[in-house]
Amino acid sequence: MKVNRREFIKACHALGLTLPLQPFLSACSGIESFSKNESADDPVIIIGAGVAGLVSGYLLKQQGVSFKILEASSNYGGRCNARFETG
């Protein structure tokens, strides 16, 4: 019998086996528990201004942490960048 990942997770969830795995099933787990290290004076460097880099900067700004985003291209947004052409 073949079981795909979705069916496996549903079965584990029904049996209560996913409770210890809850922190690993969420992409943003642990954000609430972030605390600023008061002794660190160096800014955080974020490599890439794609969606993940921009969201990381947003969350750091909410926590009052200084950061710098480094992007190789002249555009930000990564693969979600919109381009408009006229004519």
PDB file of N, CA and C in Angstrom:
ATOM      1  N   MET A   1       0.842  -1.177   0.000  1.00  0.00           N
ATOM      2  CA  MET A   1       0.000   0.000   0.000  1.00  0.00           C
ATOM      3  C   MET A   1       0.888   1.242   0.000  1.00  0.00           C
ATOM      4  N   LYS A   2       0.662   2.137  -0.957  1.00  0.00           N
ATOM      5  CA  LYS A   2       1.439   3.364  -1.045  1.00  0.00           C
ATOM      6  C   LYS A   2       0.733   4.479  -0.281  1.00  0.00           C
ATOM      7  N   VAL A   3       1.497   5.216   0.502  1.00  0.00           N
ATOM      8  CA  VAL A   3       0.947   6.329   1.273  1.00  0.00           C
ATOM      9  C   VAL A   3       1.730   7.575   0.906  1.00  0.00           C
ATOM     10  N   ASN A   4       1.006   8.618   0.488  1.00  0.00           N
ATOM     11  CA  ASN A   4       1.717   9.863   0.189  1.00  0.00           C
ATOM     12  C   ASN A   4       1.924  10.664   1.477  1.00  0.00           C
ATOM     13  N   ARG A   5       2.664  11.731   1.369  1.00  0.00           N
ATOM     14  CA  ARG A   5       3.034  12.517   2.545  1.00  0.00           C
ATOM     15  C   ARG A   5       1.806  13.094   3.251  1.00  0.00           C
ATOM     16  N   ARG A   6       0.844  13.588   2.479  1.00  0.00           N
ATOM     17  CA  ARG A   6      -0.353  14.183   3.070  1.00  0.00           C
ATOM     18  C   ARG A   6      -1.130  13.154   3.895  1.00  0.00           C
ATOM     19  N   GLU A   7      -1.296  11.962   3.345  1.00  0.00           N
ATOM     20  CA  GLU A   7      -2.010  10.905   4.068  1.00  0.00           C
ATOM     21  C   GLU A   7      -1.243  10.477   5.318  1.00  0.00           C
ATOM     22  N   PHE A   8       0.078  10.442   5.221  1.00  0.00           N
ATOM     23  CA  PHE A   8       0.903  10.077   6.373  1.00  0.00           C
ATOM     24  C   PHE A   8       0.744  11.095   7.500  1.00  0.00           C
ATOM     25  N   ILE A   9       0.789  12.379   7.162  1.00  0.00           N
ATOM     26  CA  ILE A   9       0.654  13.426   8.181  1.00  0.00           C
ATOM     27  C   ILE A   9      -0.747  13.398   8.786  1.00  0.00           C
ATOM     28  N   LYS A  10      -1.775  13.176   7.944  1.00  0.00           N
ATOM     29  CA  LYS A  10      -3.138  13.070   8.475  1.00  0.00           C
ATOM     30  C   LYS A  10      -3.258  11.912   9.464  1.00  0.00           C
ATOM     31  N   ALA A  11      -2.669  10.769   9.115  1.00  0.00           N
ATOM     32  CA  ALA A  11      -2.735   9.605  10.000  1.00  0.00           C
ATOM     33  C   ALA A  11      -1.990   9.866  11.304  1.00  0.00           C
ATOM     34  N   CYS A  12      -0.820  10.473  11.218  1.00  0.00           N
ATOM     35  CA  CYS A  12      -0.051  10.791  12.430  1.00  0.00           C
ATOM     36  C   CYS A  12      -0.797  11.799  13.293  1.00  0.00           C
ATOM     37  N   HIS A  13      -1.429  12.769  12.642  1.00  0.00           N
ATOM     38  CA  HIS A  13      -2.186  13.779  13.382  1.00  0.00           C
ATOM     39  C   HIS A  13      -3.371  13.136  14.097  1.00  0.00           C
ATOM     40  N   ALA A  14      -4.038  12.218  13.421  1.00  0.00           N
ATOM     41  CA  ALA A  14      -5.184  11.535  14.028  1.00  0.00           C
ATOM     42  C   ALA A  14      -4.755  10.719  15.247  1.00  0.00           C
ATOM     43  N   LEU A  15      -3.554  10.195  15.210  1.00  0.00           N
ATOM     44  CA  LEU A  15      -3.053   9.394  16.330  1.00  0.00           C
ATOM     45  C   LEU A  15      -2.377  10.237  17.408  1.00  0.00           C
ATOM     46  N   GLY A  16      -2.261  11.541  17.175  1.00  0.00           N
ATOM     47  CA  GLY A  16      -1.617  12.412  18.146  1.00  0.00           C
ATOM     48  C   GLY A  16      -0.104  12.374  18.090  1.00  0.00           C
ATOM     49  N   LEU A  17       0.442  11.830  17.013  1.00  0.00           N
ATOM     50  CA  LEU A  17       1.900  11.707  16.914  1.00  0.00           C
ATOM     51  C   LEU A  17       2.578  12.983  16.436  1.00  0.00           C
ATOM     52  N   THR A  18       1.806  13.963  15.965  1.00  0.00           N
ATOM     53  CA  THR A  18       2.422  15.192  15.464  1.00  0.00           C
ATOM     54  C   THR A  18       2.601  16.247  16.546  1.00  0.00           C
ATOM     55  N   LEU A  19       2.072  16.028  17.733  1.00  0.00           N
ATOM     56  CA  LEU A  19       2.200  17.034  18.786  1.00  0.00           C
ATOM     57  C   LEU A  19       3.647  17.405  19.089  1.00  0.00           C
ATOM     58  N   PRO A  20       4.574  16.449  19.208  1.00  0.00           N
ATOM     59  CA  PRO A  20       5.964  16.845  19.451  1.00  0.00           C
ATOM     60  C   PRO A  20       6.608  17.533  18.247  1.00  0.00           C
ATOM     61  N   LEU A  21       6.010  17.394  17.071  1.00  0.00           N
ATOM     62  CA  LEU A  21       6.598  17.965  15.859  1.00  0.00           C
ATOM     63  C   LEU A  21       6.028  19.326  15.501  1.00  0.00           C
ATOM     64  N   GLN A  22       5.104  19.865  16.267  1.00  0.00           N
ATOM     65  CA  GLN A  22       4.459  21.122  15.928  1.00  0.00           C
ATOM     66  C   GLN A  22       5.446  22.263  15.641  1.00  0.00           C
ATOM     67  N   PRO A  23       6.519  22.438  16.415  1.00  0.00           N
ATOM     68  CA  PRO A  23       7.445  23.533  16.093  1.00  0.00           C
ATOM     69  C   PRO A  23       8.107  23.383  14.728  1.00  0.00           C
ATOM     70  N   PHE A  24       8.242  22.153  14.242  1.00  0.00           N
ATOM     71  CA  PHE A  24       8.905  21.929  12.966  1.00  0.00           C
ATOM     72  C   PHE A  24       7.948  22.012  11.791  1.00  0.00           C
ATOM     73  N   LEU A  25       6.650  21.975  12.036  1.00  0.00           N
ATOM     74  CA  LEU A  25       5.666  22.012  10.961  1.00  0.00           C
ATOM     75  C   LEU A  25       5.311  23.432  10.560  1.00  0.00           C
ATOM     76  N   SER A  26       5.720  24.410  11.319  1.00  0.00           N
ATOM     77  CA  SER A  26       5.426  25.796  11.005  1.00  0.00           C
ATOM     78  C   SER A  26       6.688  26.499  10.530  1.00  0.00           C
ATOM     79  N   ALA A  27       6.570  27.211   9.429  1.00  0.00           N
ATOM     80  CA  ALA A  27       7.731  27.911   8.872  1.00  0.00           C
ATOM     81  C   ALA A  27       8.165  29.076   9.749  1.00  0.00           C
ATOM     82  N   CYS A  28       7.267  29.614  10.533  1.00  0.00           N
ATOM     83  CA  CYS A  28       7.583  30.788  11.352  1.00  0.00           C
ATOM     84  C   CYS A  28       7.602  30.470  12.835  1.00  0.00           C
ATOM     85  N   SER A  29       7.854  29.241  13.197  1.00  0.00           N
ATOM     86  CA  SER A  29       7.869  28.907  14.615  1.00  0.00           C
ATOM     87  C   SER A  29       9.046  29.587  15.298  1.00  0.00           C
ATOM     88  N   GLY A  30       8.831  30.050  16.495  1.00  0.00           N
ATOM     89  CA  GLY A  30       9.898  30.654  17.273  1.00  0.00           C
ATOM     90  C   GLY A  30      10.052  32.146  17.084  1.00  0.00           C
ATOM     91  N   ILE A  31       9.286  32.763  16.176  1.00  0.00           N
ATOM     92  CA  ILE A  31       9.404  34.203  15.958  1.00  0.00           C
ATOM     93  C   ILE A  31       9.005  34.959  17.224  1.00  0.00           C
ATOM     94  N   GLU A  32       7.954  34.496  17.895  1.00  0.00           N
ATOM     95  CA  GLU A  32       7.479  35.184  19.090  1.00  0.00           C
ATOM     96  C   GLU A  32       8.500  35.143  20.216  1.00  0.00           C
ATOM     97  N   SER A  33       9.335  34.115  20.243  1.00  0.00           N
ATOM     98  CA  SER A  33      10.282  33.975  21.340  1.00  0.00           C
ATOM     99  C   SER A  33      11.612  34.676  21.063  1.00  0.00           C
ATOM    100  N   PHE A  34      11.712  35.386  19.948  1.00  0.00           N
ATOM    101  CA  PHE A  34      12.945  36.092  19.611  1.00  0.00           C
ATOM    102  C   PHE A  34      13.182  37.200  20.626  1.00  0.00           C
ATOM    103  N   SER A  35      14.392  37.284  21.118  1.00  0.00           N
ATOM    104  CA  SER A  35      14.717  38.371  22.032  1.00  0.00           C
ATOM    105  C   SER A  35      16.008  39.030  21.573  1.00  0.00           C
ATOM    106  N   LYS A  36      16.054  40.331  21.712  1.00  0.00           N
ATOM    107  CA  LYS A  36      17.216  41.094  21.276  1.00  0.00           C
ATOM    108  C   LYS A  36      18.365  40.887  22.252  1.00  0.00           C
ATOM    109  N   ASN A  37      19.547  40.634  21.712  1.00  0.00           N
ATOM    110  CA  ASN A  37      20.748  40.514  22.525  1.00  0.00           C
ATOM    111  C   ASN A  37      21.261  41.930  22.777  1.00  0.00           C
ATOM    112  N   GLU A  38      21.127  42.395  23.975  1.00  0.00           N
ATOM    113  CA  GLU A  38      21.475  43.780  24.303  1.00  0.00           C
ATOM    114  C   GLU A  38      22.958  44.079  24.141  1.00  0.00           C
ATOM    115  N   SER A  39      23.826  43.069  24.203  1.00  0.00           N
ATOM    116  CA  SER A  39      25.260  43.320  24.122  1.00  0.00           C
ATOM    117  C   SER A  39      25.771  43.361  22.685  1.00  0.00           C
ATOM    118  N   ALA A  40      24.947  42.974  21.726  1.00  0.00           N
ATOM    119  CA  ALA A  40      25.396  42.936  20.329  1.00  0.00           C
ATOM    120  C   ALA A  40      25.204  44.305  19.690  1.00  0.00           C
ATOM    121  N   ASP A  41      26.303  44.896  19.216  1.00  0.00           N
ATOM    122  CA  ASP A  41      26.237  46.187  18.543  1.00  0.00           C
ATOM    123  C   ASP A  41      26.290  46.045  17.027  1.00  0.00           C
ATOM    124  N   ASP A  42      26.692  44.882  16.544  1.00  0.00           N
ATOM    125  CA  ASP A  42      26.806  44.679  15.106  1.00  0.00           C
ATOM    126  C   ASP A  42      25.431  44.475  14.483  1.00  0.00           C
ATOM    127  N   PRO A  43      25.204  45.090  13.314  1.00  0.00           N
ATOM    128  CA  PRO A  43      23.914  44.884  12.654  1.00  0.00           C
ATOM    129  C   PRO A  43      23.833  43.492  12.033  1.00  0.00           C
ATOM    130  N   VAL A  44      22.633  43.040  11.812  1.00  0.00           N
ATOM    131  CA  VAL A  44      22.401  41.770  11.132  1.00  0.00           C
ATOM    132  C   VAL A  44      22.519  42.019   9.635  1.00  0.00           C
ATOM    133  N   ILE A  45      23.194  41.119   8.937  1.00  0.00           N
ATOM    134  CA  ILE A  45      23.320  41.210   7.485  1.00  0.00           C
ATOM    135  C   ILE A  45      22.374  40.192   6.869  1.00  0.00           C
ATOM    136  N   ILE A  46      21.490  40.661   5.990  1.00  0.00           N
ATOM    137  CA  ILE A  46      20.561  39.789   5.272  1.00  0.00           C
ATOM    138  C   ILE A  46      21.037  39.716   3.829  1.00  0.00           C
ATOM    139  N   ILE A  47      21.300  38.502   3.358  1.00  0.00           N
ATOM    140  CA  ILE A  47      21.768  38.298   1.991  1.00  0.00           C
ATOM    141  C   ILE A  47      20.557  38.054   1.105  1.00  0.00           C
ATOM    142  N   GLY A  48      20.289  38.985   0.210  1.00  0.00           N
ATOM    143  CA  GLY A  48      19.198  38.838  -0.747  1.00  0.00           C
ATOM    144  C   GLY A  48      17.959  39.619  -0.343  1.00  0.00           C
ATOM    145  N   ALA A  49      17.410  40.365  -1.308  1.00  0.00           N
ATOM    146  CA  ALA A  49      16.209  41.161  -1.069  1.00  0.00           C
ATOM    147  C   ALA A  49      14.992  40.517  -1.710  1.00  0.00           C
ATOM    148  N   GLY A  50      14.957  39.183  -1.662  1.00  0.00           N
ATOM    149  CA  GLY A  50      13.761  38.472  -2.098  1.00  0.00           C
ATOM    150  C   GLY A  50      12.716  38.537  -1.003  1.00  0.00           C
ATOM    151  N   VAL A  51      11.656  37.769  -1.166  1.00  0.00           N
ATOM    152  CA  VAL A  51      10.574  37.795  -0.184  1.00  0.00           C
ATOM    153  C   VAL A  51      11.088  37.430   1.204  1.00  0.00           C
ATOM    154  N   ALA A  52      11.904  36.387   1.308  1.00  0.00           N
ATOM    155  CA  ALA A  52      12.408  35.958   2.617  1.00  0.00           C
ATOM    156  C   ALA A  52      13.286  37.034   3.248  1.00  0.00           C
ATOM    157  N   GLY A  53      14.138  37.672   2.460  1.00  0.00           N
ATOM    158  CA  GLY A  53      14.999  38.720   2.987  1.00  0.00           C
ATOM    159  C   GLY A  53      14.216  39.935   3.450  1.00  0.00           C
ATOM    160  N   LEU A  54      13.205  40.323   2.668  1.00  0.00           N
ATOM    161  CA  LEU A  54      12.389  41.478   3.036  1.00  0.00           C
ATOM    162  C   LEU A  54      11.557  41.203   4.288  1.00  0.00           C
ATOM    163  N   VAL A  55      11.001  40.009   4.392  1.00  0.00           N
ATOM    164  CA  VAL A  55      10.230  39.656   5.591  1.00  0.00           C
ATOM    165  C   VAL A  55      11.147  39.581   6.807  1.00  0.00           C
ATOM    166  N   SER A  56      12.356  39.048   6.617  1.00  0.00           N
ATOM    167  CA  SER A  56      13.317  39.001   7.727  1.00  0.00           C
ATOM    168  C   SER A  56      13.628  40.407   8.222  1.00  0.00           C
ATOM    169  N   GLY A  57      13.850  41.328   7.293  1.00  0.00           N
ATOM    170  CA  GLY A  57      14.099  42.715   7.669  1.00  0.00           C
ATOM    171  C   GLY A  57      12.921  43.339   8.395  1.00  0.00           C
ATOM    172  N   TYR A  58      11.726  43.048   7.919  1.00  0.00           N
ATOM    173  CA  TYR A  58      10.510  43.565   8.554  1.00  0.00           C
ATOM    174  C   TYR A  58      10.392  43.074   9.996  1.00  0.00           C
ATOM    175  N   LEU A  59      10.623  41.779  10.201  1.00  0.00           N
ATOM    176  CA  LEU A  59      10.521  41.213  11.551  1.00  0.00           C
ATOM    177  C   LEU A  59      11.620  41.746  12.466  1.00  0.00           C
ATOM    178  N   LEU A  60      12.825  41.915  11.929  1.00  0.00           N
ATOM    179  CA  LEU A  60      13.910  42.478  12.738  1.00  0.00           C
ATOM    180  C   LEU A  60      13.605  43.919  13.127  1.00  0.00           C
ATOM    181  N   LYS A  61      13.041  44.691  12.190  1.00  0.00           N
ATOM    182  CA  LYS A  61      12.697  46.081  12.483  1.00  0.00           C
ATOM    183  C   LYS A  61      11.648  46.155  13.592  1.00  0.00           C
ATOM    184  N   GLN A  62      10.683  45.243  13.570  1.00  0.00           N
ATOM    185  CA  GLN A  62       9.667  45.206  14.630  1.00  0.00           C
ATOM    186  C   GLN A  62      10.293  44.946  15.994  1.00  0.00           C
ATOM    187  N   GLN A  63      11.395  44.194  16.019  1.00  0.00           N
ATOM    188  CA  GLN A  63      12.071  43.872  17.276  1.00  0.00           C
ATOM    189  C   GLN A  63      13.105  44.931  17.665  1.00  0.00           C
ATOM    190  N   GLY A  64      13.305  45.924  16.809  1.00  0.00           N
ATOM    191  CA  GLY A  64      14.265  46.977  17.112  1.00  0.00           C
ATOM    192  C   GLY A  64      15.708  46.602  16.838  1.00  0.00           C
ATOM    193  N   VAL A  65      15.928  45.620  15.972  1.00  0.00           N
ATOM    194  CA  VAL A  65      17.278  45.160  15.645  1.00  0.00           C
ATOM    195  C   VAL A  65      17.741  45.867  14.378  1.00  0.00           C
ATOM    196  N   SER A  66      18.968  46.399  14.396  1.00  0.00           N
ATOM    197  CA  SER A  66      19.493  47.035  13.190  1.00  0.00           C
ATOM    198  C   SER A  66      19.956  45.961  12.209  1.00  0.00           C
ATOM    199  N   PHE A  67      19.743  46.223  10.921  1.00  0.00           N
ATOM    200  CA  PHE A  67      20.092  45.234   9.904  1.00  0.00           C
ATOM    201  C   PHE A  67      20.440  45.939   8.605  1.00  0.00           C
ATOM    202  N   LYS A  68      21.062  45.194   7.721  1.00  0.00           N
ATOM    203  CA  LYS A  68      21.384  45.691   6.386  1.00  0.00           C
ATOM    204  C   LYS A  68      21.063  44.575   5.404  1.00  0.00           C
ATOM    205  N   ILE A  69      20.358  44.918   4.319  1.00  0.00           N
ATOM    206  CA  ILE A  69      20.027  43.941   3.285  1.00  0.00           C
ATOM    207  C   ILE A  69      20.975  44.149   2.113  1.00  0.00           C
ATOM    208  N   LEU A  70      21.646  43.076   1.697  1.00  0.00           N
ATOM    209  CA  LEU A  70      22.542  43.117   0.543  1.00  0.00           C
ATOM    210  C   LEU A  70      21.879  42.394  -0.625  1.00  0.00           C
ATOM    211  N   GLU A  71      21.788  43.065  -1.773  1.00  0.00           N
ATOM    212  CA  GLU A  71      21.161  42.484  -2.963  1.00  0.00           C
ATOM    213  C   GLU A  71      22.079  42.701  -4.158  1.00  0.00           C
ATOM    214  N   ALA A  72      22.300  41.649  -4.940  1.00  0.00           N
ATOM    215  CA  ALA A  72      23.212  41.715  -6.082  1.00  0.00           C
ATOM    216  C   ALA A  72      22.598  42.452  -7.265  1.00  0.00           C
ATOM    217  N   SER A  73      21.303  42.331  -7.464  1.00  0.00           N
ATOM    218  CA  SER A  73      20.675  42.971  -8.625  1.00  0.00           C
ATOM    219  C   SER A  73      20.175  44.362  -8.252  1.00  0.00           C
ATOM    220  N   SER A  74      19.715  45.085  -9.248  1.00  0.00           N
ATOM    221  CA  SER A  74      19.214  46.440  -9.001  1.00  0.00           C
ATOM    222  C   SER A  74      17.748  46.439  -8.567  1.00  0.00           C
ATOM    223  N   ASN A  75      17.106  45.278  -8.604  1.00  0.00           N
ATOM    224  CA  ASN A  75      15.699  45.165  -8.216  1.00  0.00           C
ATOM    225  C   ASN A  75      15.569  44.364  -6.930  1.00  0.00           C
ATOM    226  N   TYR A  76      14.538  44.659  -6.177  1.00  0.00           N
ATOM    227  CA  TYR A  76      14.245  43.867  -4.992  1.00  0.00           C
ATOM    228  C   TYR A  76      12.959  43.080  -5.236  1.00  0.00           C
ATOM    229  N   GLY A  77      12.724  42.073  -4.433  1.00  0.00           N
ATOM    230  CA  GLY A  77      11.536  41.249  -4.579  1.00  0.00           C
ATOM    231  C   GLY A  77      11.828  39.849  -5.076  1.00  0.00           C
ATOM    232  N   GLY A  78      13.053  39.603  -5.503  1.00  0.00           N
ATOM    233  CA  GLY A  78      13.421  38.270  -5.969  1.00  0.00           C
ATOM    234  C   GLY A  78      12.609  37.825  -7.159  1.00  0.00           C
ATOM    235  N   ARG A  79      12.123  36.608  -7.131  1.00  0.00           N
ATOM    236  CA  ARG A  79      11.336  36.053  -8.236  1.00  0.00           C
ATOM    237  C   ARG A  79       9.919  36.600  -8.279  1.00  0.00           C
ATOM    238  N   CYS A  80       9.528  37.351  -7.261  1.00  0.00           N
ATOM    239  CA  CYS A  80       8.182  37.941  -7.230  1.00  0.00           C
ATOM    240  C   CYS A  80       8.182  39.361  -7.774  1.00  0.00           C
ATOM    241  N   ASN A  81       9.237  39.763  -8.434  1.00  0.00           N
ATOM    242  CA  ASN A  81       9.355  41.107  -8.973  1.00  0.00           C
ATOM    243  C   ASN A  81       8.404  41.279 -10.154  1.00  0.00           C
ATOM    244  N   ALA A  82       7.610  42.343 -10.144  1.00  0.00           N
ATOM    245  CA  ALA A  82       6.690  42.632 -11.245  1.00  0.00           C
ATOM    246  C   ALA A  82       7.377  43.550 -12.248  1.00  0.00           C
ATOM    247  N   ARG A  83       7.153  43.282 -13.507  1.00  0.00           N
ATOM    248  CA  ARG A  83       7.711  44.123 -14.570  1.00  0.00           C
ATOM    249  C   ARG A  83       6.582  44.588 -15.467  1.00  0.00           C
ATOM    250  N   PHE A  84       6.552  45.864 -15.719  1.00  0.00           N
ATOM    251  CA  PHE A  84       5.514  46.439 -16.568  1.00  0.00           C
ATOM    252  C   PHE A  84       6.158  46.967 -17.842  1.00  0.00           C
ATOM    253  N   GLU A  85       5.573  46.606 -18.960  1.00  0.00           N
ATOM    254  CA  GLU A  85       6.073  47.079 -20.249  1.00  0.00           C
ATOM    255  C   GLU A  85       5.010  47.941 -20.896  1.00  0.00           C
ATOM    256  N   THR A  86       5.440  49.019 -21.490  1.00  0.00           N
ATOM    257  CA  THR A  86       4.509  49.885 -22.211  1.00  0.00           C
ATOM    258  C   THR A  86       4.802  49.791 -23.694  1.00  0.00           C
ATOM    259  N   GLY A  87       3.757  49.935 -24.480  1.00  0.00           N
ATOM    260  CA  GLY A  87       3.952  49.971 -25.932  1.00  0.00           C
ATOM    261  C   GLY A  87       3.692  48.754 -26.642  1.00  0.00           C
TER     262      GLY A  87
END
